[in-house]
Structures are given as C-alpha cells and as structure tokens.
Amino acid sequence: MRKLSFLLVVLVSFANATDQPKLSPLPTPLSNNAVAMWRDGKDLKILSFMGIGPKKTWDDITNQTFQLGLKSGKWEEKRPVPGTVGRLAASAIYLNDQVFVFGGYVVDGRGGETTLPDLNVFVPIENRWYRGPDIPVPVDDSVIGVYRDRYIYLIGGWSNTEAVRDVQVYDTDKNQWLKATPIPGTAVFGHAGGMVGETIVYVDGAYRNPSAGGVKYIASDECWMGKIDKKDATKIEWSKLPAHPGNARYRIAAGTGEKDRIYFSGGSDNPYNYNGIGYNGQPSEPSPVTFAFNVRSGKWETISENAPEPTMDNRGLIVENHELITLGGMEKGQQVTGKVRVVKAASQK
C-alpha cells in the first residue's frame, strides 16, 4: 500500500547542551517507529515504539519498546507493545504520566496490510501496558495532538482501503471517543502536523490519484488550520493556509513543544511504500528542509534549507527550547538508520 512512516524526528530540549552526554544510537536501526517523550523527575526520557528494521521487509517489523534517558545517553529495552507482531505508522503521545499509542497497520507475508483499531497505553514508571477503548474508525498515518491536557485528537489518516476525513477525539477523563468536525480538504494519509493551544495545523500527505492509469498515490500540497471551539471540543473551524516552504511532502516529522510554533522536518516529495520505493517505481529521497508555522503571527518560517543528514519516514517530533533530536528514520538511499541527531534551531522572539 503506502506506508512506513513515522519513525521519529524528535525535538527535545537540553537545558545545558554542553553538559549532556553523547546520545547512543538506537539498539537497532529503525524507521517508522512511533515516539514520545516524558519527564521522570529531572530527567527527560524518549520512548520508541515498534517500527521497521534495515531489511525493510514485513518480517523485519518489530513490536519492541526502547527508552533513552537523556541524562545517561543510553538506551534500555522496555516491555514490548502488546500484540504478536509489530506495527507501522502508529501515533504516540504523552499525557498525564502515560503514553497513548494509537492504531498503525500490520503487514502479512503476502504483502497484505491491515489497519488496527488498537489503543495501547503505556505507564512508563511501572513498565506496564493496558488496553484502552478501540478507535471507532481504525487509522494509521494520522496526525495526533493534545488539547487542554485531556483530549487527544487523531486527524485523518488511512483506514484499510482509503484515506479518511474523520477527526476522532479521545476523552481521557471519561475514557470515551468523540467525533469532531472532519477535515474539509482532500482526505490524506502520511500528512504531518500538531496542536498549539486550540490551534491545529496539518500539511501535505498523499491521496489516491483520481486519474485512471496514473501513479496510485500522489503528494498533496494542501495546508490547513483548525480552531477548536473553546466551549465544545468537537467543533473545529477549518481554514486553508498558504503553501509552506519547500515542496509538498509525504511523512514529514512534526511536533510541538512551545507556546507558538509547530515544527516540520524532512519527509519526501515522492510518496512511497514501507520499503522507501515510491508508488511511481522510483526510489524516494529525504528533503533537507525544516520549517515551522508560527501560530502567533500566522506565518511560515524557514528553519533550515539544507540539513546535512536529512531523514524521511519519521513518526514523531518533540520540541523544546529549539533543540531538535532525530531518532532513526530513512537516510539517503532509503537506508534505515539508528542514529540519534541533535539539531539546534535558531532561537526566535
């Protein structure tokens, strides 16, 4: 089909960067692994869930969980994500001492792909998993965000046979799902975005080519902003945004961690399957461009136009104090990497 994604670009903060240890690479090269960051006392820790290894085959997809402590710079293996096999294109986010891992898809030996409705919740301090209520419309390659430290949004994505416009909201207080205003534009998967306050922003992704006989999936150049009604978390007012810096891309890594910016990095302008080969039969390559949307000014900002080691196929980005950490992904030549990179984004007023 079309996926392999989101591994992780994670933007994380180091209060005193010069005092930080050198960060070890992932225990094994991984791409399209879901990621999240949590705070354990004074230490920040990054979690990596599932993903695909360097063979880029169905039997190289793992359900392993790894944790990186930023103080030690070392990785340790935690309890695997429940299930007999691993998944790709899942979404993860940290909230209230728990990490919520949503959906994703499994690949069988014949190449068949199935989107799962699973909500698995990890309690990092206890190294324990439990099952939450299934996603009403199973999705993978979705955009995720948190509102008011209570509501987790899954925005669009792929569901078994097609991309969907559904915006599904998990109310963590009431342990139930809500249905929000759907996205207004093209139904896409592999898009990228995040949330700052009541503002949602998502860009690009891929959609089914409406032309017969052409490439099955093509890149979308649509950029959208949604404003959540302060009185009703299910009501969203959507408006179209101008084009962002660089070409339209698939599986950009995105994330937030500040009051006013959502960051986007890497991805590819050639939508591809989980092996990194485009639906047009051509190998996909990562973009070196990193940019941000400033929610306060309503404008796009270019962070970097030529990253030295760009990646694609990342499923997460964590941002704090303008430090960007990338974990794994696919490098040039569709090579799955385990490298952990730290990139400094220029501080902006």
Protein backbone atom coordinates (compact mmCIF):
# COMPACT_ATOMS: atom_id res chain seq x y z
CA MET A 1 0.00 0.00 0.00
CA ARG A 2 1.71 3.11 1.03
CA LYS A 3 3.24 3.38 4.30
CA LEU A 4 6.07 3.13 6.62
CA SER A 5 6.43 6.13 8.39
CA PHE A 6 6.71 7.99 11.08
CA LEU A 7 9.69 7.00 12.72
CA LEU A 8 10.86 9.78 14.57
CA VAL A 9 12.23 13.07 14.47
CA VAL A 10 12.07 14.28 17.99
CA LEU A 11 12.75 17.80 19.00
CA VAL A 12 13.78 17.82 22.63
CA SER A 13 15.37 20.32 24.91
CA PHE A 14 18.63 20.28 26.70
CA ALA A 15 18.85 22.92 29.39
CA ASN A 16 22.66 22.84 29.28
CA ALA A 17 23.58 21.30 25.98
CA THR A 18 27.31 21.29 26.69
CA ASP A 19 26.75 19.15 29.78
CA GLN A 20 24.72 16.50 28.01
CA PRO A 21 26.28 13.09 27.32
CA LYS A 22 26.69 11.79 23.80
CA LEU A 23 23.47 10.01 22.91
CA SER A 24 23.85 6.39 21.88
CA PRO A 25 22.19 5.21 18.67
CA LEU A 26 19.05 3.12 18.85
CA PRO A 27 19.81 -0.50 19.85
CA THR A 28 18.82 -1.43 16.29
CA PRO A 29 18.25 0.71 13.19
CA LEU A 30 14.56 1.62 12.97
CA SER A 31 12.25 3.62 10.78
CA ASN A 32 8.57 4.48 11.07
CA ASN A 33 8.63 3.92 14.83
CA ALA A 34 6.24 5.96 16.95
CA VAL A 35 7.91 8.16 19.59
CA ALA A 36 7.06 10.17 22.68
CA MET A 37 8.93 12.00 25.42
CA TRP A 38 8.18 12.03 29.15
CA ARG A 39 9.72 13.55 32.24
CA ASP A 40 11.00 11.28 35.00
CA GLY A 41 11.82 13.69 37.80
CA LYS A 42 14.63 15.87 36.46
CA ASP A 43 15.39 13.52 33.57
CA LEU A 44 13.79 13.61 30.14
CA LYS A 45 13.22 10.24 28.53
CA ILE A 46 12.32 9.32 24.97
CA LEU A 47 10.36 6.21 24.05
CA SER A 48 10.46 4.41 20.71
CA PHE A 49 7.66 2.01 19.82
CA MET A 50 7.71 -0.60 17.04
CA GLY A 51 8.95 0.28 13.53
CA ILE A 52 10.79 -1.50 10.72
CA GLY A 53 14.41 -2.63 10.56
CA PRO A 54 17.10 -2.35 7.86
CA LYS A 55 15.79 -5.24 5.72
CA LYS A 56 12.61 -3.21 5.13
CA THR A 57 10.54 -6.39 4.80
CA TRP A 58 7.33 -7.50 6.51
CA ASP A 59 9.24 -9.83 8.82
CA ASP A 60 11.55 -7.02 9.95
CA ILE A 61 8.72 -5.09 11.64
CA THR A 62 9.08 -5.16 15.42
CA ASN A 63 6.88 -4.59 18.47
CA GLN A 64 9.86 -3.64 20.67
CA THR A 65 9.88 -0.66 23.02
CA PHE A 66 13.10 1.22 23.75
CA GLN A 67 13.74 4.08 26.15
CA LEU A 68 16.52 6.67 26.01
CA GLY A 69 17.48 8.58 29.15
CA LEU A 70 18.91 11.97 28.22
CA LYS A 71 20.99 12.16 31.40
CA SER A 72 22.75 8.86 30.74
CA GLY A 73 22.56 9.00 26.96
CA LYS A 74 21.86 5.26 27.00
CA TRP A 75 19.02 3.07 25.78
CA GLU A 76 17.21 0.29 27.61
CA GLU A 77 14.57 -2.12 26.39
CA LYS A 78 11.11 -1.94 27.99
CA ARG A 79 8.07 -4.18 27.67
CA PRO A 80 7.06 -4.64 24.03
CA VAL A 81 3.86 -3.20 22.62
CA PRO A 82 1.08 -5.80 23.11
CA GLY A 83 0.37 -7.97 20.09
CA THR A 84 2.05 -10.86 18.33
CA VAL A 85 3.51 -8.66 15.59
CA GLY A 86 4.73 -5.11 15.26
CA ARG A 87 3.05 -2.21 13.51
CA LEU A 88 3.93 0.69 11.27
CA ALA A 89 2.50 4.22 11.10
CA ALA A 90 1.17 4.23 14.69
CA SER A 91 0.83 7.51 16.59
CA ALA A 92 2.07 8.10 20.15
CA ILE A 93 1.69 10.93 22.62
CA TYR A 94 2.43 11.52 26.32
CA LEU A 95 -0.20 12.83 28.71
CA ASN A 96 -0.61 12.67 32.49
CA ASP A 97 2.14 10.11 33.21
CA GLN A 98 1.03 7.78 30.43
CA VAL A 99 1.90 7.27 26.77
CA PHE A 100 -1.00 6.57 24.42
CA VAL A 101 -0.19 4.55 21.29
CA PHE A 102 -2.89 4.59 18.62
CA GLY A 103 -3.55 2.42 15.56
CA GLY A 104 -0.97 1.65 12.92
CA TYR A 105 -1.01 -1.24 10.49
CA VAL A 106 0.37 -4.75 10.26
CA VAL A 107 1.85 -6.42 7.17
CA ASP A 108 1.50 -10.13 6.46
CA GLY A 109 3.81 -12.40 4.48
CA ARG A 110 1.80 -11.89 1.30
CA GLY A 111 2.14 -8.13 1.50
CA GLY A 112 -1.37 -7.54 2.78
CA GLU A 113 -1.86 -4.59 5.13
CA THR A 114 -4.46 -4.25 7.88
CA THR A 115 -5.13 -1.10 9.89
CA LEU A 116 -5.71 -1.85 13.58
CA PRO A 117 -8.10 -0.05 15.96
CA ASP A 118 -5.87 -0.65 18.99
CA LEU A 119 -5.31 1.90 21.73
CA ASN A 120 -2.47 0.67 23.93
CA VAL A 121 -1.49 2.73 26.96
CA PHE A 122 2.00 2.52 28.48
CA VAL A 123 2.74 3.56 32.06
CA PRO A 124 6.50 4.20 31.85
CA ILE A 125 7.20 4.48 35.57
CA GLU A 126 5.71 0.98 36.04
CA ASN A 127 6.85 -0.52 32.72
CA ARG A 128 3.25 -1.65 32.24
CA TRP A 129 0.72 -1.70 29.38
CA TYR A 130 -3.06 -1.72 29.42
CA ARG A 131 -5.70 -1.61 26.69
CA GLY A 132 -7.92 1.40 26.05
CA PRO A 133 -11.15 1.52 24.04
CA ASP A 134 -10.71 0.80 20.33
CA ILE A 135 -10.55 3.66 17.84
CA PRO A 136 -14.02 3.87 16.21
CA VAL A 137 -12.52 4.25 12.72
CA PRO A 138 -9.15 2.41 12.70
CA VAL A 139 -6.38 4.67 11.37
CA ASP A 140 -2.70 4.71 10.61
CA ASP A 141 -0.52 7.53 9.23
CA SER A 142 -2.64 10.01 11.18
CA VAL A 143 -1.81 13.36 12.80
CA ILE A 144 -2.03 13.49 16.61
CA GLY A 145 -2.34 16.28 19.18
CA VAL A 146 -3.48 17.07 22.74
CA TYR A 147 -5.91 19.76 23.87
CA ARG A 148 -6.41 21.01 27.44
CA ASP A 149 -4.40 18.09 28.88
CA ARG A 150 -7.46 15.95 28.34
CA TYR A 151 -8.48 15.43 24.71
CA ILE A 152 -6.31 13.53 22.22
CA TYR A 153 -7.10 14.18 18.55
CA LEU A 154 -6.49 11.80 15.65
CA ILE A 155 -6.79 13.82 12.45
CA GLY A 156 -7.41 11.97 9.19
CA GLY A 157 -5.17 9.09 8.12
CA TRP A 158 -5.54 5.79 6.30
CA SER A 159 -8.16 3.18 7.21
CA ASN A 160 -7.63 -0.20 5.46
CA THR A 161 -8.86 0.75 1.98
CA GLU A 162 -8.89 4.53 1.83
CA ALA A 163 -7.86 7.80 3.42
CA VAL A 164 -10.49 9.28 5.74
CA ARG A 165 -11.55 12.79 6.78
CA ASP A 166 -12.55 11.73 10.29
CA VAL A 167 -11.31 13.72 13.27
CA GLN A 168 -11.59 11.38 16.26
CA VAL A 169 -11.21 12.66 19.81
CA TYR A 170 -10.35 10.50 22.80
CA ASP A 171 -11.55 11.99 26.08
CA THR A 172 -9.02 10.67 28.58
CA ASP A 173 -11.12 11.82 31.56
CA LYS A 174 -14.23 9.90 30.52
CA ASN A 175 -12.40 7.10 28.67
CA GLN A 176 -14.59 7.53 25.61
CA TRP A 177 -14.37 8.54 21.95
CA LEU A 178 -15.99 11.61 20.41
CA LYS A 179 -16.48 12.60 16.79
CA ALA A 180 -15.29 16.08 15.79
CA THR A 181 -15.72 18.25 12.70
CA PRO A 182 -14.00 16.38 9.83
CA ILE A 183 -11.17 17.86 7.81
CA PRO A 184 -12.56 19.87 4.89
CA GLY A 185 -9.98 19.27 2.19
CA THR A 186 -8.67 16.19 0.43
CA ALA A 187 -8.66 13.01 2.53
CA VAL A 188 -4.95 12.29 3.08
CA PHE A 189 -2.59 9.96 4.91
CA GLY A 190 1.06 10.44 5.81
CA HIS A 191 0.37 14.13 6.42
CA ALA A 192 2.08 16.00 9.26
CA GLY A 193 1.02 18.46 11.92
CA GLY A 194 0.41 19.29 15.53
CA MET A 195 -1.51 21.40 18.02
CA VAL A 196 -0.72 24.56 19.96
CA GLY A 197 -3.48 25.58 22.37
CA GLU A 198 -6.75 25.35 20.45
CA THR A 199 -4.99 25.57 17.04
CA ILE A 200 -4.46 22.53 14.79
CA VAL A 201 -2.19 22.73 11.75
CA TYR A 202 -1.56 19.93 9.25
CA VAL A 203 0.12 19.84 5.85
CA ASP A 204 0.66 17.68 2.78
CA GLY A 205 0.47 13.88 2.87
CA ALA A 206 -0.71 11.69 0.00
CA TYR A 207 -4.04 10.89 -1.63
CA ARG A 208 -5.39 8.49 -4.21
CA ASN A 209 -4.77 9.70 -7.76
CA PRO A 210 -8.19 10.34 -9.35
CA SER A 211 -6.74 9.87 -12.85
CA ALA A 212 -7.06 6.36 -14.26
CA GLY A 213 -3.83 4.67 -15.27
CA GLY A 214 -1.58 7.03 -13.34
CA VAL A 215 0.51 6.65 -10.19
CA LYS A 216 -1.72 5.24 -7.44
CA TYR A 217 -0.93 7.86 -4.79
CA ILE A 218 0.35 11.40 -5.23
CA ALA A 219 1.54 14.14 -2.86
CA SER A 220 -0.94 16.73 -1.58
CA ASP A 221 0.10 20.37 -1.26
CA GLU A 222 -2.83 21.38 0.95
CA CYS A 223 -2.16 23.12 4.28
CA TRP A 224 -4.97 23.59 6.82
CA MET A 225 -5.51 25.25 10.17
CA GLY A 226 -8.32 24.37 12.58
CA LYS A 227 -9.56 26.35 15.58
CA ILE A 228 -11.25 24.32 18.32
CA ASP A 229 -14.34 25.88 19.88
CA LYS A 230 -13.48 26.71 23.49
CA LYS A 231 -16.94 25.57 24.60
CA ASP A 232 -17.10 22.36 22.59
CA ALA A 233 -14.01 20.22 21.93
CA THR A 234 -15.75 18.51 18.98
CA LYS A 235 -16.34 21.71 16.97
CA ILE A 236 -13.49 22.84 14.74
CA GLU A 237 -13.46 25.80 12.35
CA TRP A 238 -11.14 24.98 9.44
CA SER A 239 -9.40 27.45 7.11
CA LYS A 240 -6.88 26.93 4.32
CA LEU A 241 -3.29 28.11 4.76
CA PRO A 242 -0.83 29.27 2.08
CA ALA A 243 1.87 26.86 0.91
CA HIS A 244 4.71 26.13 3.31
CA PRO A 245 8.45 26.45 2.47
CA GLY A 246 9.72 23.74 0.12
CA ASN A 247 7.88 21.14 -1.92
CA ALA A 248 4.78 19.23 -0.82
CA ARG A 249 5.98 16.15 1.05
CA TYR A 250 4.92 12.83 2.48
CA ARG A 251 5.62 11.69 6.04
CA ILE A 252 7.27 14.83 7.32
CA ALA A 253 8.18 14.62 11.00
CA ALA A 254 6.24 17.19 13.01
CA GLY A 255 5.82 18.21 16.61
CA THR A 256 5.30 20.96 19.14
CA GLY A 257 6.76 21.89 22.48
CA GLU A 258 6.40 25.62 22.65
CA LYS A 259 3.65 28.19 23.01
CA ASP A 260 3.57 29.37 19.42
CA ARG A 261 5.29 27.06 16.91
CA ILE A 262 4.70 23.73 15.19
CA TYR A 263 7.84 22.30 13.56
CA PHE A 264 8.17 20.20 10.41
CA SER A 265 11.30 18.40 9.19
CA GLY A 266 12.34 16.02 6.41
CA GLY A 267 9.90 13.78 4.59
CA SER A 268 9.92 13.06 0.85
CA ASP A 269 8.22 14.67 -2.14
CA ASN A 270 7.71 11.19 -3.62
CA PRO A 271 5.06 9.17 -1.66
CA TYR A 272 6.35 5.65 -1.04
CA ASN A 273 5.64 2.23 0.42
CA TYR A 274 7.31 0.92 3.58
CA ASN A 275 10.45 -0.07 1.66
CA GLY A 276 11.13 3.53 0.65
CA ILE A 277 10.31 2.97 -3.03
CA GLY A 278 7.77 5.41 -4.45
CA TYR A 279 4.45 4.38 -5.92
CA ASN A 280 5.86 5.65 -9.20
CA GLY A 281 8.56 2.97 -9.00
CA GLN A 282 11.32 5.48 -8.26
CA PRO A 283 13.34 5.48 -5.00
CA SER A 284 12.27 8.23 -2.60
CA GLU A 285 14.79 10.58 -1.02
CA PRO A 286 14.51 12.76 2.10
CA SER A 287 14.11 16.52 1.96
CA PRO A 288 16.72 18.65 3.78
CA VAL A 289 14.18 21.39 4.63
CA THR A 290 12.96 22.17 8.16
CA PHE A 291 10.30 24.82 8.71
CA ALA A 292 7.75 25.96 11.29
CA PHE A 293 4.33 27.54 11.50
CA ASN A 294 4.13 30.43 13.93
CA VAL A 295 0.63 30.31 15.41
CA ARG A 296 1.00 33.79 16.90
CA SER A 297 1.95 35.50 13.62
CA GLY A 298 0.09 33.12 11.32
CA LYS A 299 3.16 32.77 9.10
CA TRP A 300 5.56 30.08 7.93
CA GLU A 301 9.21 30.28 8.99
CA THR A 302 12.15 28.52 7.34
CA ILE A 303 14.43 26.95 9.97
CA SER A 304 16.95 25.23 7.69
CA GLU A 305 17.08 24.68 3.93
CA ASN A 306 19.94 22.21 3.82
CA ALA A 307 20.19 19.77 6.71
CA PRO A 308 23.42 17.71 6.36
CA GLU A 309 21.79 14.36 7.18
CA PRO A 310 18.08 14.57 6.33
CA THR A 311 15.68 11.73 7.05
CA MET A 312 12.22 10.67 5.98
CA ASP A 313 9.76 8.14 7.36
CA ASN A 314 9.67 9.63 10.85
CA ARG A 315 6.60 9.31 13.09
CA GLY A 316 7.25 11.91 15.74
CA LEU A 317 8.84 15.20 16.64
CA ILE A 318 9.29 16.64 20.13
CA VAL A 319 10.25 20.28 20.53
CA GLU A 320 11.59 22.17 23.50
CA ASN A 321 13.90 25.20 23.68
CA HIS A 322 14.54 24.94 19.94
CA GLU A 323 16.58 21.74 20.24
CA LEU A 324 15.73 19.12 17.64
CA ILE A 325 16.57 15.46 18.13
CA THR A 326 16.09 12.99 15.31
CA LEU A 327 15.93 9.28 16.07
CA GLY A 328 16.34 6.82 13.25
CA GLY A 329 14.32 7.05 10.04
CA MET A 330 15.45 6.58 6.45
CA GLU A 331 18.50 8.39 5.17
CA LYS A 332 19.56 8.92 1.56
CA GLY A 333 19.35 5.74 -0.46
CA GLN A 334 16.41 4.54 1.69
CA GLN A 335 18.84 3.33 4.35
CA VAL A 336 17.25 2.67 7.73
CA THR A 337 19.35 4.29 10.44
CA GLY A 338 19.63 4.12 14.21
CA LYS A 339 21.40 7.47 14.54
CA VAL A 340 20.33 9.99 17.17
CA ARG A 341 20.89 13.54 15.98
CA VAL A 342 20.60 16.86 17.79
CA VAL A 343 19.93 19.97 15.70
CA LYS A 344 19.81 23.47 17.10
CA ALA A 345 17.06 25.65 15.69
CA ALA A 346 17.78 29.37 15.91
CA SER A 347 16.04 30.94 18.88
CA GLN A 348 13.27 33.25 17.77
CA LYS A 349 11.40 36.02 19.57
